[in-house]
Amino acid sequence: MSGQAYYELYRRSSIGMALTDTLDDLITERRIEPQLAIKILANFDRSITEILSDKVRAKLGFKGHLDTYRFCDEVWTFLIEDVQFKMENNVVHADRVKIVSCNSKKPGEV
């Protein structure tokens, strides 16, 4: 594994939370050391970023009313209200959505 840093955003996804909970249980039961859990999470950060970048090709469009936006540490955050998502033949409505957007290039890439 290289020394590159990856965003930890996907740790808050359902699969990331399940992994974190499982690692916490294993640490509590003294079946693994905390250092191993940190390495596993770093590997998860790298793997999920690469897989989503390489394998997912679905398209999504959306419309809504921009409530708040910010740009900090190379990360955009948008809070959007009354949102309609359009995916192929489906339309989904949400009252409020938070979108976090990060640079897709790996650290060090131009």
PDB file of N, CA and C in Angstrom:
ATOM      1  N   MET A   1       0.849  -1.175   0.000  1.00  0.00           N
ATOM      2  CA  MET A   1       0.000   0.000   0.000  1.00  0.00           C
ATOM      3  C   MET A   1       0.885   1.226   0.000  1.00  0.00           C
ATOM      4  N   SER A   2       0.553   2.218  -0.785  1.00  0.00           N
ATOM      5  CA  SER A   2       1.368   3.414  -0.896  1.00  0.00           C
ATOM      6  C   SER A   2       1.062   4.377   0.246  1.00  0.00           C
ATOM      7  N   GLY A   3       1.839   5.452   0.326  1.00  0.00           N
ATOM      8  CA  GLY A   3       1.673   6.430   1.366  1.00  0.00           C
ATOM      9  C   GLY A   3       0.671   7.514   1.008  1.00  0.00           C
ATOM     10  N   GLN A   4      -0.103   7.332  -0.064  1.00  0.00           N
ATOM     11  CA  GLN A   4      -1.070   8.330  -0.475  1.00  0.00           C
ATOM     12  C   GLN A   4      -2.223   8.404   0.516  1.00  0.00           C
ATOM     13  N   ALA A   5      -2.742   9.618   0.717  1.00  0.00           N
ATOM     14  CA  ALA A   5      -3.893   9.806   1.596  1.00  0.00           C
ATOM     15  C   ALA A   5      -5.166   9.820   0.754  1.00  0.00           C
ATOM     16  N   TYR A   6      -6.210   9.211   1.275  1.00  0.00           N
ATOM     17  CA  TYR A   6      -7.509   9.190   0.607  1.00  0.00           C
ATOM     18  C   TYR A   6      -8.541   9.804   1.545  1.00  0.00           C
ATOM     19  N   TYR A   7      -9.588  10.367   0.967  1.00  0.00           N
ATOM     20  CA  TYR A   7     -10.652  10.940   1.781  1.00  0.00           C
ATOM     21  C   TYR A   7     -11.327   9.842   2.596  1.00  0.00           C
ATOM     22  N   GLU A   8     -11.796  10.211   3.772  1.00  0.00           N
ATOM     23  CA  GLU A   8     -12.465   9.261   4.662  1.00  0.00           C
ATOM     24  C   GLU A   8     -13.988   9.365   4.568  1.00  0.00           C
ATOM     25  N   LEU A   9     -14.489   9.974   3.504  1.00  0.00           N
ATOM     26  CA  LEU A   9     -15.928  10.218   3.360  1.00  0.00           C
ATOM     27  C   LEU A   9     -16.768   8.950   3.403  1.00  0.00           C
ATOM     28  N   TYR A  10     -16.286   7.897   2.797  1.00  0.00           N
ATOM     29  CA  TYR A  10     -17.102   6.691   2.657  1.00  0.00           C
ATOM     30  C   TYR A  10     -17.208   5.903   3.952  1.00  0.00           C
ATOM     31  N   ARG A  11     -16.467   6.291   4.977  1.00  0.00           N
ATOM     32  CA  ARG A  11     -16.604   5.643   6.281  1.00  0.00           C
ATOM     33  C   ARG A  11     -17.972   5.927   6.891  1.00  0.00           C
ATOM     34  N   ARG A  12     -18.634   7.000   6.444  1.00  0.00           N
ATOM     35  CA  ARG A  12     -19.966   7.348   6.946  1.00  0.00           C
ATOM     36  C   ARG A  12     -21.077   6.716   6.115  1.00  0.00           C
ATOM     37  N   SER A  13     -20.718   5.947   5.072  1.00  0.00           N
ATOM     38  CA  SER A  13     -21.722   5.213   4.295  1.00  0.00           C
ATOM     39  C   SER A  13     -22.166   3.997   5.105  1.00  0.00           C
ATOM     40  N   SER A  14     -23.215   3.328   4.656  1.00  0.00           N
ATOM     41  CA  SER A  14     -23.702   2.158   5.410  1.00  0.00           C
ATOM     42  C   SER A  14     -22.640   1.063   5.484  1.00  0.00           C
ATOM     43  N   ILE A  15     -21.922   0.823   4.394  1.00  0.00           N
ATOM     44  CA  ILE A  15     -20.884  -0.220   4.429  1.00  0.00           C
ATOM     45  C   ILE A  15     -19.693   0.222   5.285  1.00  0.00           C
ATOM     46  N   GLY A  16     -19.368   1.512   5.245  1.00  0.00           N
ATOM     47  CA  GLY A  16     -18.281   2.029   6.076  1.00  0.00           C
ATOM     48  C   GLY A  16     -18.620   1.960   7.557  1.00  0.00           C
ATOM     49  N   MET A  17     -19.870   2.296   7.906  1.00  0.00           N
ATOM     50  CA  MET A  17     -20.304   2.221   9.304  1.00  0.00           C
ATOM     51  C   MET A  17     -20.311   0.771   9.793  1.00  0.00           C
ATOM     52  N   ALA A  18     -20.731  -0.153   8.926  1.00  0.00           N
ATOM     53  CA  ALA A  18     -20.729  -1.565   9.303  1.00  0.00           C
ATOM     54  C   ALA A  18     -19.304  -2.049   9.559  1.00  0.00           C
ATOM     55  N   LEU A  19     -18.374  -1.644   8.697  1.00  0.00           N
ATOM     56  CA  LEU A  19     -16.966  -2.012   8.886  1.00  0.00           C
ATOM     57  C   LEU A  19     -16.438  -1.432  10.187  1.00  0.00           C
ATOM     58  N   THR A  20     -16.701  -0.162  10.435  1.00  0.00           N
ATOM     59  CA  THR A  20     -16.224   0.499  11.656  1.00  0.00           C
ATOM     60  C   THR A  20     -16.794  -0.174  12.902  1.00  0.00           C
ATOM     61  N   ASP A  21     -18.090  -0.490  12.888  1.00  0.00           N
ATOM     62  CA  ASP A  21     -18.714  -1.165  14.033  1.00  0.00           C
ATOM     63  C   ASP A  21     -18.083  -2.532  14.270  1.00  0.00           C
ATOM     64  N   THR A  22     -17.842  -3.268  13.199  1.00  0.00           N
ATOM     65  CA  THR A  22     -17.230  -4.592  13.323  1.00  0.00           C
ATOM     66  C   THR A  22     -15.816  -4.493  13.876  1.00  0.00           C
ATOM     67  N   LEU A  23     -15.051  -3.533  13.375  1.00  0.00           N
ATOM     68  CA  LEU A  23     -13.687  -3.339  13.883  1.00  0.00           C
ATOM     69  C   LEU A  23     -13.697  -2.944  15.359  1.00  0.00           C
ATOM     70  N   ASP A  24     -14.642  -2.073  15.737  1.00  0.00           N
ATOM     71  CA  ASP A  24     -14.770  -1.700  17.153  1.00  0.00           C
ATOM     72  C   ASP A  24     -15.060  -2.922  18.019  1.00  0.00           C
ATOM     73  N   ASP A  25     -15.955  -3.791  17.547  1.00  0.00           N
ATOM     74  CA  ASP A  25     -16.268  -5.017  18.292  1.00  0.00           C
ATOM     75  C   ASP A  25     -15.036  -5.907  18.420  1.00  0.00           C
ATOM     76  N   LEU A  26     -14.285  -6.060  17.337  1.00  0.00           N
ATOM     77  CA  LEU A  26     -13.084  -6.901  17.376  1.00  0.00           C
ATOM     78  C   LEU A  26     -12.033  -6.336  18.317  1.00  0.00           C
ATOM     79  N   ILE A  27     -11.902  -5.027  18.357  1.00  0.00           N
ATOM     80  CA  ILE A  27     -10.957  -4.398  19.291  1.00  0.00           C
ATOM     81  C   ILE A  27     -11.419  -4.608  20.729  1.00  0.00           C
ATOM     82  N   THR A  28     -12.710  -4.411  20.977  1.00  0.00           N
ATOM     83  CA  THR A  28     -13.265  -4.593  22.320  1.00  0.00           C
ATOM     84  C   THR A  28     -13.071  -6.024  22.807  1.00  0.00           C
ATOM     85  N   GLU A  29     -13.226  -6.985  21.904  1.00  0.00           N
ATOM     86  CA  GLU A  29     -13.050  -8.403  22.251  1.00  0.00           C
ATOM     87  C   GLU A  29     -11.579  -8.807  22.280  1.00  0.00           C
ATOM     88  N   ARG A  30     -10.681  -7.842  22.009  1.00  0.00           N
ATOM     89  CA  ARG A  30      -9.227  -8.060  21.982  1.00  0.00           C
ATOM     90  C   ARG A  30      -8.812  -9.110  20.944  1.00  0.00           C
ATOM     91  N   ARG A  31      -9.558  -9.146  19.833  1.00  0.00           N
ATOM     92  CA  ARG A  31      -9.222 -10.076  18.751  1.00  0.00           C
ATOM     93  C   ARG A  31      -8.281  -9.426  17.741  1.00  0.00           C
ATOM     94  N   ILE A  32      -8.287  -8.079  17.675  1.00  0.00           N
ATOM     95  CA  ILE A  32      -7.317  -7.355  16.844  1.00  0.00           C
ATOM     96  C   ILE A  32      -6.822  -6.136  17.621  1.00  0.00           C
ATOM     97  N   GLU A  33      -5.669  -5.636  17.217  1.00  0.00           N
ATOM     98  CA  GLU A  33      -5.109  -4.427  17.805  1.00  0.00           C
ATOM     99  C   GLU A  33      -5.678  -3.194  17.097  1.00  0.00           C
ATOM    100  N   PRO A  34      -5.777  -2.068  17.796  1.00  0.00           N
ATOM    101  CA  PRO A  34      -6.272  -0.840  17.156  1.00  0.00           C
ATOM    102  C   PRO A  34      -5.457  -0.421  15.929  1.00  0.00           C
ATOM    103  N   GLN A  35      -4.155  -0.677  15.928  1.00  0.00           N
ATOM    104  CA  GLN A  35      -3.310  -0.322  14.778  1.00  0.00           C
ATOM    105  C   GLN A  35      -3.740  -1.078  13.522  1.00  0.00           C
ATOM    106  N   LEU A  36      -4.152  -2.338  13.694  1.00  0.00           N
ATOM    107  CA  LEU A  36      -4.633  -3.122  12.557  1.00  0.00           C
ATOM    108  C   LEU A  36      -5.945  -2.533  12.030  1.00  0.00           C
ATOM    109  N   ALA A  37      -6.820  -2.114  12.932  1.00  0.00           N
ATOM    110  CA  ALA A  37      -8.086  -1.500  12.512  1.00  0.00           C
ATOM    111  C   ALA A  37      -7.828  -0.229  11.710  1.00  0.00           C
ATOM    112  N   ILE A  38      -6.845   0.560  12.115  1.00  0.00           N
ATOM    113  CA  ILE A  38      -6.497   1.781  11.384  1.00  0.00           C
ATOM    114  C   ILE A  38      -6.012   1.441   9.979  1.00  0.00           C
ATOM    115  N   LYS A  39      -5.203   0.403   9.859  1.00  0.00           N
ATOM    116  CA  LYS A  39      -4.718  -0.029   8.540  1.00  0.00           C
ATOM    117  C   LYS A  39      -5.870  -0.533   7.670  1.00  0.00           C
ATOM    118  N   ILE A  40      -6.792  -1.263   8.267  1.00  0.00           N
ATOM    119  CA  ILE A  40      -7.945  -1.775   7.523  1.00  0.00           C
ATOM    120  C   ILE A  40      -8.796  -0.611   7.016  1.00  0.00           C
ATOM    121  N   LEU A  41      -9.038   0.390   7.848  1.00  0.00           N
ATOM    122  CA  LEU A  41      -9.824   1.548   7.418  1.00  0.00           C
ATOM    123  C   LEU A  41      -9.120   2.332   6.319  1.00  0.00           C
ATOM    124  N   ALA A  42      -7.795   2.469   6.403  1.00  0.00           N
ATOM    125  CA  ALA A  42      -7.048   3.157   5.342  1.00  0.00           C
ATOM    126  C   ALA A  42      -7.156   2.376   4.028  1.00  0.00           C
ATOM    127  N   ASN A  43      -7.094   1.046   4.113  1.00  0.00           N
ATOM    128  CA  ASN A  43      -7.248   0.206   2.923  1.00  0.00           C
ATOM    129  C   ASN A  43      -8.672   0.337   2.363  1.00  0.00           C
ATOM    130  N   PHE A  44      -9.673   0.409   3.233  1.00  0.00           N
ATOM    131  CA  PHE A  44     -11.051   0.621   2.812  1.00  0.00           C
ATOM    132  C   PHE A  44     -11.189   1.956   2.069  1.00  0.00           C
ATOM    133  N   ASP A  45     -10.598   3.024   2.632  1.00  0.00           N
ATOM    134  CA  ASP A  45     -10.655   4.348   1.994  1.00  0.00           C
ATOM    135  C   ASP A  45     -10.100   4.285   0.576  1.00  0.00           C
ATOM    136  N   ARG A  46      -8.965   3.638   0.416  1.00  0.00           N
ATOM    137  CA  ARG A  46      -8.330   3.522  -0.902  1.00  0.00           C
ATOM    138  C   ARG A  46      -9.186   2.661  -1.836  1.00  0.00           C
ATOM    139  N   SER A  47      -9.603   1.509  -1.363  1.00  0.00           N
ATOM    140  CA  SER A  47     -10.342   0.555  -2.204  1.00  0.00           C
ATOM    141  C   SER A  47     -11.674   1.107  -2.679  1.00  0.00           C
ATOM    142  N   ILE A  48     -12.457   1.692  -1.785  1.00  0.00           N
ATOM    143  CA  ILE A  48     -13.782   2.181  -2.173  1.00  0.00           C
ATOM    144  C   ILE A  48     -13.651   3.335  -3.165  1.00  0.00           C
ATOM    145  N   THR A  49     -12.649   4.187  -2.967  1.00  0.00           N
ATOM    146  CA  THR A  49     -12.426   5.306  -3.888  1.00  0.00           C
ATOM    147  C   THR A  49     -12.075   4.791  -5.279  1.00  0.00           C
ATOM    148  N   GLU A  50     -11.170   3.828  -5.361  1.00  0.00           N
ATOM    149  CA  GLU A  50     -10.746   3.291  -6.655  1.00  0.00           C
ATOM    150  C   GLU A  50     -11.869   2.521  -7.349  1.00  0.00           C
ATOM    151  N   ILE A  51     -12.602   1.708  -6.615  1.00  0.00           N
ATOM    152  CA  ILE A  51     -13.686   0.914  -7.205  1.00  0.00           C
ATOM    153  C   ILE A  51     -14.788   1.814  -7.741  1.00  0.00           C
ATOM    154  N   LEU A  52     -15.211   2.799  -6.955  1.00  0.00           N
ATOM    155  CA  LEU A  52     -16.271   3.698  -7.422  1.00  0.00           C
ATOM    156  C   LEU A  52     -15.817   4.487  -8.644  1.00  0.00           C
ATOM    157  N   SER A  53     -14.562   4.872  -8.667  1.00  0.00           N
ATOM    158  CA  SER A  53     -14.028   5.630  -9.798  1.00  0.00           C
ATOM    159  C   SER A  53     -13.954   4.780 -11.063  1.00  0.00           C
ATOM    160  N   ASP A  54     -13.561   3.525 -10.912  1.00  0.00           N
ATOM    161  CA  ASP A  54     -13.339   2.649 -12.063  1.00  0.00           C
ATOM    162  C   ASP A  54     -14.594   1.933 -12.555  1.00  0.00           C
ATOM    163  N   LYS A  55     -15.496   1.559 -11.660  1.00  0.00           N
ATOM    164  CA  LYS A  55     -16.589   0.650 -12.014  1.00  0.00           C
ATOM    165  C   LYS A  55     -17.964   1.290 -12.177  1.00  0.00           C
ATOM    166  N   VAL A  56     -18.244   2.369 -11.470  1.00  0.00           N
ATOM    167  CA  VAL A  56     -19.584   2.948 -11.508  1.00  0.00           C
ATOM    168  C   VAL A  56     -19.701   3.896 -12.693  1.00  0.00           C
ATOM    169  N   ARG A  57     -20.684   3.648 -13.547  1.00  0.00           N
ATOM    170  CA  ARG A  57     -20.884   4.459 -14.746  1.00  0.00           C
ATOM    171  C   ARG A  57     -22.290   5.048 -14.820  1.00  0.00           C
ATOM    172  N   ALA A  58     -23.074   4.910 -13.769  1.00  0.00           N
ATOM    173  CA  ALA A  58     -24.444   5.420 -13.754  1.00  0.00           C
ATOM    174  C   ALA A  58     -24.436   6.947 -13.791  1.00  0.00           C
ATOM    175  N   LYS A  59     -25.453   7.504 -14.425  1.00  0.00           N
ATOM    176  CA  LYS A  59     -25.613   8.952 -14.527  1.00  0.00           C
ATOM    177  C   LYS A  59     -26.810   9.390 -13.683  1.00  0.00           C
ATOM    178  N   LEU A  60     -26.690  10.559 -13.099  1.00  0.00           N
ATOM    179  CA  LEU A  60     -27.734  11.100 -12.248  1.00  0.00           C
ATOM    180  C   LEU A  60     -27.813  12.603 -12.492  1.00  0.00           C
ATOM    181  N   GLY A  61     -29.029  13.099 -12.626  1.00  0.00           N
ATOM    182  CA  GLY A  61     -29.232  14.540 -12.728  1.00  0.00           C
ATOM    183  C   GLY A  61     -30.099  15.001 -11.580  1.00  0.00           C
ATOM    184  N   PHE A  62     -29.952  16.260 -11.171  1.00  0.00           N
ATOM    185  CA  PHE A  62     -30.795  16.751 -10.093  1.00  0.00           C
ATOM    186  C   PHE A  62     -31.035  18.246 -10.243  1.00  0.00           C
ATOM    187  N   LYS A  63     -32.177  18.683  -9.688  1.00  0.00           N
ATOM    188  CA  LYS A  63     -32.545  20.095  -9.626  1.00  0.00           C
ATOM    189  C   LYS A  63     -33.025  20.379  -8.215  1.00  0.00           C
ATOM    190  N   GLY A  64     -32.743  21.581  -7.753  1.00  0.00           N
ATOM    191  CA  GLY A  64     -33.206  21.978  -6.429  1.00  0.00           C
ATOM    192  C   GLY A  64     -32.844  23.422  -6.167  1.00  0.00           C
ATOM    193  N   HIS A  65     -33.071  23.844  -4.947  1.00  0.00           N
ATOM    194  CA  HIS A  65     -32.782  25.209  -4.526  1.00  0.00           C
ATOM    195  C   HIS A  65     -31.560  25.185  -3.602  1.00  0.00           C
ATOM    196  N   LEU A  66     -30.489  25.843  -4.037  1.00  0.00           N
ATOM    197  CA  LEU A  66     -29.252  25.881  -3.257  1.00  0.00           C
ATOM    198  C   LEU A  66     -29.462  26.745  -2.024  1.00  0.00           C
ATOM    199  N   ASP A  67     -29.319  26.130  -0.851  1.00  0.00           N
ATOM    200  CA  ASP A  67     -29.490  26.839   0.413  1.00  0.00           C
ATOM    201  C   ASP A  67     -28.152  27.387   0.908  1.00  0.00           C
ATOM    202  N   THR A  68     -27.122  26.536   0.933  1.00  0.00           N
ATOM    203  CA  THR A  68     -25.811  26.916   1.462  1.00  0.00           C
ATOM    204  C   THR A  68     -24.736  26.191   0.684  1.00  0.00           C
ATOM    205  N   TYR A  69     -23.599  26.850   0.516  1.00  0.00           N
ATOM    206  CA  TYR A  69     -22.439  26.174  -0.067  1.00  0.00           C
ATOM    207  C   TYR A  69     -21.181  26.690   0.612  1.00  0.00           C
ATOM    208  N   ARG A  70     -20.144  25.837   0.623  1.00  0.00           N
ATOM    209  CA  ARG A  70     -18.847  26.250   1.173  1.00  0.00           C
ATOM    210  C   ARG A  70     -17.741  25.463   0.504  1.00  0.00           C
ATOM    211  N   PHE A  71     -16.553  26.038   0.506  1.00  0.00           N
ATOM    212  CA  PHE A  71     -15.359  25.394  -0.039  1.00  0.00           C
ATOM    213  C   PHE A  71     -14.262  25.534   1.004  1.00  0.00           C
ATOM    214  N   CYS A  72     -13.818  24.417   1.535  1.00  0.00           N
ATOM    215  CA  CYS A  72     -12.804  24.423   2.588  1.00  0.00           C
ATOM    216  C   CYS A  72     -11.914  23.203   2.415  1.00  0.00           C
ATOM    217  N   ASP A  73     -10.604  23.409   2.436  1.00  0.00           N
ATOM    218  CA  ASP A  73      -9.635  22.310   2.336  1.00  0.00           C
ATOM    219  C   ASP A  73      -9.874  21.445   1.106  1.00  0.00           C
ATOM    220  N   GLU A  74     -10.119  22.106  -0.036  1.00  0.00           N
ATOM    221  CA  GLU A  74     -10.327  21.413  -1.309  1.00  0.00           C
ATOM    222  C   GLU A  74     -11.588  20.546  -1.332  1.00  0.00           C
ATOM    223  N   VAL A  75     -12.557  20.829  -0.461  1.00  0.00           N
ATOM    224  CA  VAL A  75     -13.802  20.066  -0.398  1.00  0.00           C
ATOM    225  C   VAL A  75     -14.979  21.034  -0.517  1.00  0.00           C
ATOM    226  N   TRP A  76     -15.868  20.788  -1.486  1.00  0.00           N
ATOM    227  CA  TRP A  76     -17.095  21.552  -1.650  1.00  0.00           C
ATOM    228  C   TRP A  76     -18.207  20.860  -0.865  1.00  0.00           C
ATOM    229  N   THR A  77     -19.030  21.652  -0.188  1.00  0.00           N
ATOM    230  CA  THR A  77     -20.220  21.142   0.491  1.00  0.00           C
ATOM    231  C   THR A  77     -21.410  21.983   0.043  1.00  0.00           C
ATOM    232  N   PHE A  78     -22.467  21.311  -0.413  1.00  0.00           N
ATOM    233  CA  PHE A  78     -23.680  21.972  -0.875  1.00  0.00           C
ATOM    234  C   PHE A  78     -24.866  21.457  -0.071  1.00  0.00           C
ATOM    235  N   LEU A  79     -25.691  22.372   0.446  1.00  0.00           N
ATOM    236  CA  LEU A  79     -26.952  22.002   1.072  1.00  0.00           C
ATOM    237  C   LEU A  79     -28.054  22.457   0.128  1.00  0.00           C
ATOM    238  N   ILE A  80     -28.839  21.503  -0.360  1.00  0.00           N
ATOM    239  CA  ILE A  80     -29.846  21.767  -1.390  1.00  0.00           C
ATOM    240  C   ILE A  80     -31.213  21.363  -0.859  1.00  0.00           C
ATOM    241  N   GLU A  81     -32.208  22.212  -1.095  1.00  0.00           N
ATOM    242  CA  GLU A  81     -33.569  21.937  -0.640  1.00  0.00           C
ATOM    243  C   GLU A  81     -34.490  21.678  -1.827  1.00  0.00           C
ATOM    244  N   ASP A  82     -35.563  20.945  -1.551  1.00  0.00           N
ATOM    245  CA  ASP A  82     -36.582  20.617  -2.556  1.00  0.00           C
ATOM    246  C   ASP A  82     -35.923  20.046  -3.823  1.00  0.00           C
ATOM    247  N   VAL A  83     -35.273  18.909  -3.663  1.00  0.00           N
ATOM    248  CA  VAL A  83     -34.444  18.324  -4.715  1.00  0.00           C
ATOM    249  C   VAL A  83     -35.199  17.228  -5.466  1.00  0.00           C
ATOM    250  N   GLN A  84     -35.067  17.241  -6.796  1.00  0.00           N
ATOM    251  CA  GLN A  84     -35.566  16.153  -7.641  1.00  0.00           C
ATOM    252  C   GLN A  84     -34.374  15.492  -8.313  1.00  0.00           C
ATOM    253  N   PHE A  85     -34.215  14.191  -8.081  1.00  0.00           N
ATOM    254  CA  PHE A  85     -33.169  13.411  -8.726  1.00  0.00           C
ATOM    255  C   PHE A  85     -33.777  12.666  -9.903  1.00  0.00           C
ATOM    256  N   LYS A  86     -33.100  12.698 -11.048  1.00  0.00           N
ATOM    257  CA  LYS A  86     -33.568  11.977 -12.238  1.00  0.00           C
ATOM    258  C   LYS A  86     -32.522  10.936 -12.619  1.00  0.00           C
ATOM    259  N   MET A  87     -32.967   9.672 -12.635  1.00  0.00           N
ATOM    260  CA  MET A  87     -32.114   8.546 -12.998  1.00  0.00           C
ATOM    261  C   MET A  87     -32.857   7.716 -14.034  1.00  0.00           C
ATOM    262  N   GLU A  88     -32.330   7.620 -15.225  1.00  0.00           N
ATOM    263  CA  GLU A  88     -32.951   6.881 -16.318  1.00  0.00           C
ATOM    264  C   GLU A  88     -34.460   7.073 -16.333  1.00  0.00           C
ATOM    265  N   ASN A  89     -35.253   6.129 -15.797  1.00  0.00           N
ATOM    266  CA  ASN A  89     -36.715   6.231 -15.839  1.00  0.00           C
ATOM    267  C   ASN A  89     -37.331   6.599 -14.501  1.00  0.00           C
ATOM    268  N   ASN A  90     -36.521   6.952 -13.510  1.00  0.00           N
ATOM    269  CA  ASN A  90     -37.016   7.226 -12.163  1.00  0.00           C
ATOM    270  C   ASN A  90     -36.799   8.683 -11.777  1.00  0.00           C
ATOM    271  N   VAL A  91     -37.737   9.200 -10.993  1.00  0.00           N
ATOM    272  CA  VAL A  91     -37.591  10.523 -10.387  1.00  0.00           C
ATOM    273  C   VAL A  91     -37.824  10.356  -8.885  1.00  0.00           C
ATOM    274  N   VAL A  92     -36.906  10.880  -8.086  1.00  0.00           N
ATOM    275  CA  VAL A  92     -36.994  10.783  -6.631  1.00  0.00           C
ATOM    276  C   VAL A  92     -36.922  12.189  -6.057  1.00  0.00           C
ATOM    277  N   HIS A  93     -37.771  12.474  -5.073  1.00  0.00           N
ATOM    278  CA  HIS A  93     -37.798  13.789  -4.439  1.00  0.00           C
ATOM    279  C   HIS A  93     -37.234  13.688  -3.019  1.00  0.00           C
ATOM    280  N   ALA A  94     -36.502  14.727  -2.609  1.00  0.00           N
ATOM    281  CA  ALA A  94     -36.006  14.830  -1.233  1.00  0.00           C
ATOM    282  C   ALA A  94     -36.195  16.266  -0.766  1.00  0.00           C
ATOM    283  N   ASP A  95     -36.553  16.423   0.495  1.00  0.00           N
ATOM    284  CA  ASP A  95     -36.742  17.769   1.038  1.00  0.00           C
ATOM    285  C   ASP A  95     -35.417  18.514   1.176  1.00  0.00           C
ATOM    286  N   ARG A  96     -34.379  17.803   1.619  1.00  0.00           N
ATOM    287  CA  ARG A  96     -33.085  18.439   1.869  1.00  0.00           C
ATOM    288  C   ARG A  96     -31.975  17.417   1.632  1.00  0.00           C
ATOM    289  N   VAL A  97     -30.912  17.841   0.936  1.00  0.00           N
ATOM    290  CA  VAL A  97     -29.796  16.953   0.610  1.00  0.00           C
ATOM    291  C   VAL A  97     -28.481  17.680   0.871  1.00  0.00           C
ATOM    292  N   LYS A  98     -27.521  16.944   1.399  1.00  0.00           N
ATOM    293  CA  LYS A  98     -26.165  17.470   1.578  1.00  0.00           C
ATOM    294  C   LYS A  98     -25.258  16.728   0.604  1.00  0.00           C
ATOM    295  N   ILE A  99     -24.566  17.477  -0.246  1.00  0.00           N
ATOM    296  CA  ILE A  99     -23.644  16.890  -1.210  1.00  0.00           C
ATOM    297  C   ILE A  99     -22.234  17.346  -0.858  1.00  0.00           C
ATOM    298  N   VAL A 100     -21.331  16.385  -0.701  1.00  0.00           N
ATOM    299  CA  VAL A 100     -19.924  16.677  -0.428  1.00  0.00           C
ATOM    300  C   VAL A 100     -19.134  16.241  -1.647  1.00  0.00           C
ATOM    301  N   SER A 101     -18.356  17.148  -2.199  1.00  0.00           N
ATOM    302  CA  SER A 101     -17.622  16.886  -3.433  1.00  0.00           C
ATOM    303  C   SER A 101     -16.135  17.122  -3.220  1.00  0.00           C
ATOM    304  N   CYS A 102     -15.342  16.129  -3.591  1.00  0.00           N
ATOM    305  CA  CYS A 102     -13.896  16.203  -3.424  1.00  0.00           C
ATOM    306  C   CYS A 102     -13.204  16.013  -4.767  1.00  0.00           C
ATOM    307  N   ASN A 103     -11.974  16.420  -4.838  1.00  0.00           N
ATOM    308  CA  ASN A 103     -11.177  16.255  -6.055  1.00  0.00           C
ATOM    309  C   ASN A 103     -11.071  14.768  -6.386  1.00  0.00           C
ATOM    310  N   SER A 104     -11.329  14.415  -7.642  1.00  0.00           N
ATOM    311  CA  SER A 104     -11.293  13.007  -8.029  1.00  0.00           C
ATOM    312  C   SER A 104      -9.883  12.515  -8.301  1.00  0.00           C
ATOM    313  N   LYS A 105      -8.943  13.412  -8.450  1.00  0.00           N
ATOM    314  CA  LYS A 105      -7.565  12.997  -8.707  1.00  0.00           C
ATOM    315  C   LYS A 105      -6.912  12.513  -7.425  1.00  0.00           C
ATOM    316  N   LYS A 106      -6.064  11.515  -7.548  1.00  0.00           N
ATOM    317  CA  LYS A 106      -5.328  11.011  -6.412  1.00  0.00           C
ATOM    318  C   LYS A 106      -4.290  12.045  -5.998  1.00  0.00           C
ATOM    319  N   PRO A 107      -3.920  12.098  -4.730  1.00  0.00           N
ATOM    320  CA  PRO A 107      -2.902  13.051  -4.305  1.00  0.00           C
ATOM    321  C   PRO A 107      -1.627  12.908  -5.149  1.00  0.00           C
ATOM    322  N   GLY A 108      -1.118  14.027  -5.604  1.00  0.00           N
ATOM    323  CA  GLY A 108       0.101  14.015  -6.411  1.00  0.00           C
ATOM    324  C   GLY A 108      -0.148  13.984  -7.897  1.00  0.00           C
ATOM    325  N   GLU A 109      -1.379  13.662  -8.342  1.00  0.00           N
ATOM    326  CA  GLU A 109      -1.701  13.655  -9.764  1.00  0.00           C
ATOM    327  C   GLU A 109      -1.913  15.067 -10.273  1.00  0.00           C
ATOM    328  N   VAL A 110      -1.615  15.241 -11.551  1.00  0.00           N
ATOM    329  CA  VAL A 110      -1.814  16.563 -12.163  1.00  0.00           C
ATOM    330  C   VAL A 110      -3.057  16.542 -13.025  1.00  0.00           C
TER     331      VAL A 110
END
